Amino acid sequence: MVNDFCMDLLNSTGELEFDAKRCVQCGAVVDPVILHNRQLRQDMLTIRSVPRPVANNFEAKGLY
């Protein structure tokens, strides 16, 4: 990954220039917004993967 200086001409907030990292092998670009969105997605996947308690209607019966 190398540091790269990018311009976003479609951004309507006025920020046209930003620093990012670019992979010299595949060309993938990573910036702080991309990293933030990836973290949010990972957090959501972690929350969804936690098993929920299941109601158990089974009533244990002792041996008589």
C-alpha atoms as a PDB file:
ATOM      1  CA  MET A   1       0.000   0.000   0.000  1.00  0.00           C
ATOM      2  CA  VAL A   2       1.235   3.438  -0.901  1.00  0.00           C
ATOM      3  CA  ASN A   3      -0.073   6.850   0.093  1.00  0.00           C
ATOM      4  CA  ASP A   4      -2.134   8.434  -2.653  1.00  0.00           C
ATOM      5  CA  PHE A   5      -3.825  11.783  -3.095  1.00  0.00           C
ATOM      6  CA  CYS A   6      -7.312  11.490  -4.632  1.00  0.00           C
ATOM      7  CA  MET A   7      -9.989  13.837  -5.907  1.00  0.00           C
ATOM      8  CA  ASP A   8     -13.725  13.169  -5.682  1.00  0.00           C
ATOM      9  CA  LEU A   9     -15.436  15.304  -8.298  1.00  0.00           C
ATOM     10  CA  LEU A  10     -18.933  14.011  -7.410  1.00  0.00           C
ATOM     11  CA  ASN A  11     -18.797  14.932  -3.706  1.00  0.00           C
ATOM     12  CA  SER A  12     -21.373  17.617  -2.925  1.00  0.00           C
ATOM     13  CA  THR A  13     -19.982  18.548   0.531  1.00  0.00           C
ATOM     14  CA  GLY A  14     -17.145  20.594  -0.915  1.00  0.00           C
ATOM     15  CA  GLU A  15     -14.343  18.197  -0.002  1.00  0.00           C
ATOM     16  CA  LEU A  16     -12.794  17.354  -3.323  1.00  0.00           C
ATOM     17  CA  GLU A  17      -9.398  16.141  -2.185  1.00  0.00           C
ATOM     18  CA  PHE A  18      -8.545  13.405   0.294  1.00  0.00           C
ATOM     19  CA  ASP A  19      -5.672  11.191   1.308  1.00  0.00           C
ATOM     20  CA  ALA A  20      -5.998   7.477   0.750  1.00  0.00           C
ATOM     21  CA  LYS A  21      -3.909   4.359   0.454  1.00  0.00           C
ATOM     22  CA  ARG A  22      -3.701   2.482  -2.834  1.00  0.00           C
ATOM     23  CA  CYS A  23      -2.538  -1.075  -3.392  1.00  0.00           C
ATOM     24  CA  VAL A  24       0.151  -1.147  -6.074  1.00  0.00           C
ATOM     25  CA  GLN A  25      -0.705  -4.745  -6.917  1.00  0.00           C
ATOM     26  CA  CYS A  26      -4.495  -4.616  -7.401  1.00  0.00           C
ATOM     27  CA  GLY A  27      -5.291  -0.878  -7.385  1.00  0.00           C
ATOM     28  CA  ALA A  28      -7.712  -1.023  -4.436  1.00  0.00           C
ATOM     29  CA  VAL A  29      -8.174   2.357  -2.742  1.00  0.00           C
ATOM     30  CA  VAL A  30      -8.796   2.626   1.007  1.00  0.00           C
ATOM     31  CA  ASP A  31      -9.610   5.867   2.810  1.00  0.00           C
ATOM     32  CA  PRO A  32     -10.957   6.662   6.306  1.00  0.00           C
ATOM     33  CA  VAL A  33     -14.601   6.523   5.121  1.00  0.00           C
ATOM     34  CA  ILE A  34     -14.124   3.078   3.591  1.00  0.00           C
ATOM     35  CA  LEU A  35     -12.442   1.824   6.761  1.00  0.00           C
ATOM     36  CA  HIS A  36     -15.276   3.244   8.902  1.00  0.00           C
ATOM     37  CA  ASN A  37     -17.949   1.596   6.759  1.00  0.00           C
ATOM     38  CA  ARG A  38     -16.110  -1.737   6.852  1.00  0.00           C
ATOM     39  CA  GLN A  39     -15.941  -1.546  10.649  1.00  0.00           C
ATOM     40  CA  LEU A  40     -19.680  -0.781  10.866  1.00  0.00           C
ATOM     41  CA  ARG A  41     -20.435  -3.760   8.634  1.00  0.00           C
ATOM     42  CA  GLN A  42     -18.193  -6.031  10.710  1.00  0.00           C
ATOM     43  CA  ASP A  43     -19.901  -4.846  13.907  1.00  0.00           C
ATOM     44  CA  MET A  44     -23.334  -5.593  12.427  1.00  0.00           C
ATOM     45  CA  LEU A  45     -22.228  -9.077  11.334  1.00  0.00           C
ATOM     46  CA  THR A  46     -20.876  -9.738  14.829  1.00  0.00           C
ATOM     47  CA  ILE A  47     -24.132  -8.630  16.423  1.00  0.00           C
ATOM     48  CA  ARG A  48     -26.169 -10.833  14.090  1.00  0.00           C
ATOM     49  CA  SER A  49     -23.974 -13.880  14.693  1.00  0.00           C
ATOM     50  CA  VAL A  50     -24.556 -13.863  18.474  1.00  0.00           C
ATOM     51  CA  PRO A  51     -27.053 -16.652  19.159  1.00  0.00           C
ATOM     52  CA  ARG A  52     -30.359 -15.540  20.611  1.00  0.00           C
ATOM     53  CA  PRO A  53     -31.905 -17.415  23.483  1.00  0.00           C
ATOM     54  CA  VAL A  54     -34.651 -19.752  22.311  1.00  0.00           C
ATOM     55  CA  ALA A  55     -37.783 -20.281  24.347  1.00  0.00           C
ATOM     56  CA  ASN A  56     -37.820 -23.833  25.605  1.00  0.00           C
ATOM     57  CA  ASN A  57     -41.264 -25.284  26.228  1.00  0.00           C
ATOM     58  CA  PHE A  58     -39.838 -28.641  27.221  1.00  0.00           C
ATOM     59  CA  GLU A  59     -40.664 -29.501  30.792  1.00  0.00           C
ATOM     60  CA  ALA A  60     -38.268 -31.908  32.455  1.00  0.00           C
ATOM     61  CA  LYS A  61     -40.044 -34.794  34.137  1.00  0.00           C
ATOM     62  CA  GLY A  62     -38.396 -36.749  36.897  1.00  0.00           C
ATOM     63  CA  LEU A  63     -38.362 -40.536  37.080  1.00  0.00           C
ATOM     64  CA  TYR A  64     -40.923 -42.021  39.521  1.00  0.00           C
END
